[in-house]
């Protein structure tokens, strides 16, 4: 089970999807993966930065494209300074 966390002014939104079941052809899981990818693309289009996190002891890796094989993706909105 993979998850994507979207940080925003509303808090921390979590999207969970099962890549293994999607690969096996489960229609609901396929929809969930596609929805996660859509959310990711929309956030990136608004300037958000995304990181792939695979384990607590590993450094996060910045990503520009949705990676359904990531254990966890964290999406951080663009921060504007002033």
Protein backbone atom coordinates (compact mmCIF):
# COMPACT_ATOMS: atom_id res chain seq x y z
CA UNK A 1 0.00 0.00 0.00
CA UNK A 2 1.45 3.35 -1.04
CA UNK A 3 0.48 6.81 0.10
CA UNK A 4 0.81 10.38 -1.02
CA UNK A 5 0.67 13.19 1.52
CA UNK A 6 -0.29 16.64 0.30
CA UNK A 7 0.64 19.45 2.67
CA UNK A 8 -1.43 22.63 2.44
CA UNK A 9 -3.04 25.40 4.44
CA UNK A 10 -5.78 22.85 5.22
CA UNK A 11 -3.31 20.47 6.85
CA UNK A 12 -2.03 17.10 5.72
CA UNK A 13 -4.22 15.27 3.20
CA UNK A 14 -3.43 11.58 2.65
CA UNK A 15 -4.21 9.65 -0.53
CA UNK A 16 -3.75 5.87 -0.28
CA UNK A 17 -3.51 3.51 -3.25
CA UNK A 18 -2.53 -0.13 -3.84
CA UNK A 19 -0.15 -0.45 -6.78
CA UNK A 20 0.06 -4.24 -6.49
CA UNK A 21 -3.70 -4.66 -6.87
CA UNK A 22 -3.73 -2.13 -9.72
CA UNK A 23 -1.05 -4.17 -11.50
CA UNK A 24 -3.23 -7.26 -11.03
CA UNK A 25 -6.08 -5.43 -12.76
CA UNK A 26 -8.32 -4.46 -9.83
CA UNK A 27 -10.54 -1.67 -11.25
CA UNK A 28 -10.86 0.28 -7.97
CA UNK A 29 -7.11 0.19 -7.41
CA UNK A 30 -6.43 1.32 -10.98
CA UNK A 31 -8.78 4.28 -10.44
CA UNK A 32 -7.06 5.13 -7.13
CA UNK A 33 -3.60 5.17 -8.76
CA UNK A 34 -4.88 7.35 -11.62
CA UNK A 35 -6.51 9.74 -9.14
CA UNK A 36 -3.27 10.00 -7.14
CA UNK A 37 -1.38 10.76 -10.36
CA UNK A 38 -3.95 13.43 -11.32
CA UNK A 39 -3.64 15.10 -7.91
CA UNK A 40 0.15 14.97 -8.17
CA UNK A 41 0.16 16.58 -11.63
CA UNK A 42 -2.21 19.36 -10.53
CA UNK A 43 -0.08 20.16 -7.49
CA UNK A 44 3.10 20.23 -9.58
CA UNK A 45 1.41 22.53 -12.13
CA UNK A 46 0.69 24.95 -9.25
CA UNK A 47 4.39 24.95 -8.34
CA UNK A 48 4.47 22.32 -5.59
CA UNK A 49 7.60 20.29 -4.93
CA UNK A 50 7.39 16.53 -4.45
CA UNK A 51 9.61 14.09 -2.60
CA UNK A 52 9.82 10.31 -2.67
CA UNK A 53 10.33 8.77 0.78
CA UNK A 54 11.02 5.04 0.89
CA UNK A 55 12.24 4.45 4.43
CA UNK A 56 12.76 6.48 7.60
CA UNK A 57 16.53 5.90 7.46
CA UNK A 58 16.87 6.98 3.80
CA UNK A 59 17.07 10.54 2.55
CA UNK A 60 14.03 11.86 0.67
CA UNK A 61 14.51 12.18 -3.10
CA UNK A 62 12.99 15.07 -5.04
CA UNK A 63 10.84 13.91 -7.97
CA UNK A 64 9.25 15.75 -10.87
CA UNK A 65 7.03 12.93 -12.17
CA UNK A 66 4.55 10.74 -10.33
CA UNK A 67 6.22 7.49 -9.27
CA UNK A 68 3.62 4.89 -8.39
CA UNK A 69 6.35 2.58 -7.06
CA UNK A 70 7.28 5.01 -4.26
CA UNK A 71 6.32 3.87 -0.79
CA UNK A 72 5.38 7.43 0.09
CA UNK A 73 5.26 10.73 -1.78
CA UNK A 74 5.13 14.05 0.04
CA UNK A 75 3.88 17.07 -1.89
CA UNK A 76 4.81 20.48 -0.50
CA UNK A 77 3.18 23.63 -1.91
CA UNK A 78 5.23 26.48 -3.23
CA UNK A 79 6.20 28.85 -0.45
CA UNK A 80 6.21 32.55 -1.28
CA UNK A 81 8.32 34.89 0.76
CA UNK A 82 8.02 38.57 1.15
